[in-house]
Amino acid sequence: MKNFIKNNKTLFVLLVIAGFCIILSVILLFKYFYFGNGGSKYGNRLEGIENVQINNDKINSIVSNLESEDSVQTAKLNITGKIIYIKLVFKDSAKLTDAQAIAVKSLENFSDQEKGFYDFEFTLYQEATENTEGFKIMGAKNVKGSNLVWNNNNPIKEKNDKE
């Protein structure tokens, strides 16, 4: 073994360096994937959330305020991190434009400070019946945005040339 090392010093040094790199890589990968970074899953994105915390009383008040609308069947509000998810299910009599107006109006329940900190995600849903086509539409308001942006997920029916 000593003769091999003496005769192949360069190869031996390269093997030691490669072995050291492999061991270091395994340790770092194990630490990264197994232990993570040890911090919050949100990192530092939630700094300052304690200043604009929304309590359960306010959440219940907003939900009951939304459900008091004539065309709203159910309302749910969920806060995850810096995103407020609002899901509204509408009765058969509701029109899509009225549903969007109710969603925009619901932002009045939040202070300017809350609107400046949280993102808002809306899901408006109405079951299709014999009388209505129904709809499912999503909207979002970013912290830096001033109004809601809607994404229409309703299927478009193609018209025949004969009509």
Protein backbone atom coordinates (compact mmCIF):
# COMPACT_ATOMS: atom_id res chain seq x y z
CA MET A 1 0.00 0.00 0.00
CA LYS A 2 2.85 2.40 0.86
CA ASN A 3 4.54 1.65 -2.43
CA PHE A 4 1.31 2.39 -4.31
CA ILE A 5 0.99 5.76 -2.55
CA LYS A 6 4.66 6.64 -3.20
CA ASN A 7 4.43 5.69 -6.87
CA ASN A 8 1.07 7.43 -7.47
CA LYS A 9 1.13 10.54 -5.28
CA THR A 10 -0.92 12.61 -7.70
CA LEU A 11 -3.58 9.93 -8.02
CA PHE A 12 -3.68 9.49 -4.24
CA VAL A 13 -4.15 13.26 -3.65
CA LEU A 14 -6.94 13.37 -6.24
CA LEU A 15 -8.68 10.38 -4.61
CA VAL A 16 -8.47 12.05 -1.19
CA ILE A 17 -9.92 15.30 -2.59
CA ALA A 18 -12.70 13.40 -4.42
CA GLY A 19 -13.52 11.39 -1.28
CA PHE A 20 -13.66 14.57 0.79
CA CYS A 21 -15.99 16.23 -1.76
CA ILE A 22 -18.29 13.19 -1.87
CA ILE A 23 -18.53 13.02 1.92
CA LEU A 24 -19.18 16.78 2.14
CA SER A 25 -21.87 16.57 -0.58
CA VAL A 26 -23.63 13.68 1.15
CA ILE A 27 -23.63 15.54 4.48
CA LEU A 28 -24.98 18.75 2.92
CA LEU A 29 -27.66 16.97 0.89
CA PHE A 30 -28.77 14.98 3.94
CA LYS A 31 -28.95 18.17 6.01
CA TYR A 32 -30.84 20.04 3.31
CA PHE A 33 -33.40 17.36 2.44
CA TYR A 34 -33.81 15.68 5.79
CA PHE A 35 -33.57 18.52 8.27
CA GLY A 36 -34.53 21.44 6.03
CA ASN A 37 -33.43 24.92 6.89
CA GLY A 38 -34.98 24.79 10.37
CA GLY A 39 -37.08 27.91 9.85
CA SER A 40 -40.67 28.62 8.99
CA LYS A 41 -41.99 27.28 5.70
CA TYR A 42 -42.83 30.89 4.80
CA GLY A 43 -39.32 32.19 5.46
CA ASN A 44 -39.47 35.88 6.31
CA ARG A 45 -42.53 36.62 4.15
CA LEU A 46 -44.83 36.83 7.20
CA GLU A 47 -42.85 39.52 8.97
CA GLY A 48 -45.28 42.06 10.37
CA ILE A 49 -48.34 39.77 10.28
CA GLU A 50 -48.83 40.25 14.01
CA ASN A 51 -49.63 43.92 13.31
CA VAL A 52 -52.50 43.06 10.93
CA GLN A 53 -53.80 39.85 12.50
CA ILE A 54 -57.44 39.09 11.67
CA ASN A 55 -59.21 37.45 14.61
CA ASN A 56 -62.00 34.86 14.51
CA ASP A 57 -64.66 37.39 15.53
CA LYS A 58 -63.92 39.48 12.46
CA ILE A 59 -63.88 36.39 10.23
CA ASN A 60 -67.28 35.29 11.58
CA SER A 61 -68.62 38.82 11.13
CA ILE A 62 -67.47 38.94 7.49
CA VAL A 63 -68.93 35.49 6.74
CA SER A 64 -72.29 36.38 8.29
CA ASN A 65 -72.24 39.71 6.41
CA LEU A 66 -71.68 37.86 3.12
CA GLU A 67 -74.33 35.25 3.88
CA SER A 68 -76.84 38.01 4.61
CA GLU A 69 -76.79 38.90 0.90
CA ASP A 70 -79.96 37.60 -0.79
CA SER A 71 -78.20 35.70 -3.56
CA VAL A 72 -75.45 34.09 -1.41
CA GLN A 73 -76.15 30.56 -0.28
CA THR A 74 -72.94 29.92 1.72
CA ALA A 75 -69.73 31.78 2.39
CA LYS A 76 -66.40 30.53 3.70
CA LEU A 77 -63.30 32.51 4.62
CA ASN A 78 -59.92 30.91 5.24
CA ILE A 79 -56.61 32.64 5.97
CA THR A 80 -53.37 30.87 5.11
CA GLY A 81 -50.21 32.87 5.55
CA LYS A 82 -50.69 36.15 3.69
CA ILE A 83 -53.59 34.94 1.54
CA ILE A 84 -57.28 35.29 2.38
CA TYR A 85 -59.40 32.71 0.54
CA ILE A 86 -63.09 33.58 0.17
CA LYS A 87 -65.46 31.01 -1.34
CA LEU A 88 -69.00 32.08 -2.17
CA VAL A 89 -71.72 29.68 -3.33
CA PHE A 90 -74.69 31.42 -4.95
CA LYS A 91 -78.38 30.56 -5.29
CA ASP A 92 -80.03 29.85 -8.65
CA SER A 93 -81.30 33.41 -8.96
CA ALA A 94 -77.86 35.03 -8.88
CA LYS A 95 -76.27 36.45 -12.00
CA LEU A 96 -72.54 36.35 -12.59
CA THR A 97 -72.19 40.13 -12.64
CA ASP A 98 -74.05 40.41 -9.32
CA ALA A 99 -71.81 37.72 -7.82
CA GLN A 100 -68.71 39.62 -8.90
CA ALA A 101 -70.13 42.81 -7.43
CA ILE A 102 -70.71 41.07 -4.08
CA ALA A 103 -67.11 39.85 -4.11
CA VAL A 104 -65.79 43.35 -4.80
CA LYS A 105 -68.07 44.76 -2.11
CA SER A 106 -66.74 42.20 0.41
CA LEU A 107 -63.35 43.94 0.29
CA GLU A 108 -64.98 46.84 2.16
CA ASN A 109 -64.98 44.60 5.26
CA PHE A 110 -61.18 44.87 5.44
CA SER A 111 -59.13 47.87 6.52
CA ASP A 112 -56.67 49.55 4.18
CA GLN A 113 -53.84 48.14 6.28
CA GLU A 114 -55.21 44.59 5.86
CA LYS A 115 -55.72 45.11 2.11
CA GLY A 116 -52.14 46.35 1.93
CA PHE A 117 -50.78 43.21 3.60
CA TYR A 118 -52.95 40.27 2.46
CA ASP A 119 -53.62 38.88 -1.01
CA PHE A 120 -57.24 37.89 -1.72
CA GLU A 121 -58.43 34.84 -3.65
CA PHE A 122 -62.13 34.55 -4.53
CA THR A 123 -64.01 31.51 -5.78
CA LEU A 124 -67.57 32.19 -6.94
CA TYR A 125 -69.70 29.14 -7.65
CA GLN A 126 -73.24 28.44 -8.75
CA GLU A 127 -74.58 24.97 -9.48
CA ALA A 128 -75.98 24.45 -12.98
CA THR A 129 -79.72 23.76 -12.95
CA GLU A 130 -82.54 23.66 -15.49
CA ASN A 131 -83.03 27.40 -15.08
CA THR A 132 -79.38 28.52 -15.02
CA GLU A 133 -76.14 27.50 -16.67
CA GLY A 134 -74.26 28.01 -13.41
CA PHE A 135 -70.75 29.35 -13.13
CA LYS A 136 -67.42 28.81 -11.47
CA ILE A 137 -65.13 31.76 -11.58
CA MET A 138 -62.03 32.72 -9.66
CA GLY A 139 -60.69 36.14 -8.89
CA ALA A 140 -57.63 37.54 -7.19
CA LYS A 141 -56.47 40.81 -5.73
CA ASN A 142 -52.77 41.26 -5.16
CA VAL A 143 -51.41 43.48 -2.41
CA LYS A 144 -50.05 45.89 -5.00
CA GLY A 145 -53.14 45.73 -7.21
CA SER A 146 -56.07 48.07 -6.86
CA ASN A 147 -58.85 45.86 -8.22
CA LEU A 148 -59.86 42.22 -8.71
CA VAL A 149 -58.78 40.24 -11.75
CA TRP A 150 -61.16 37.48 -12.84
CA ASN A 151 -60.33 34.14 -14.45
CA ASN A 152 -63.36 32.59 -16.11
CA ASN A 153 -63.42 28.79 -15.84
CA ASN A 154 -66.82 28.36 -17.46
CA PRO A 155 -66.93 26.13 -20.53
CA ILE A 156 -67.85 27.91 -23.73
CA LYS A 157 -70.58 26.31 -25.78
CA GLU A 158 -69.92 26.44 -29.49
CA LYS A 159 -72.78 27.55 -31.68
CA ASN A 160 -73.71 25.54 -34.74
CA ASP A 161 -73.71 27.22 -38.14
CA LYS A 162 -77.39 26.28 -38.55
CA GLU A 163 -78.56 28.49 -35.68
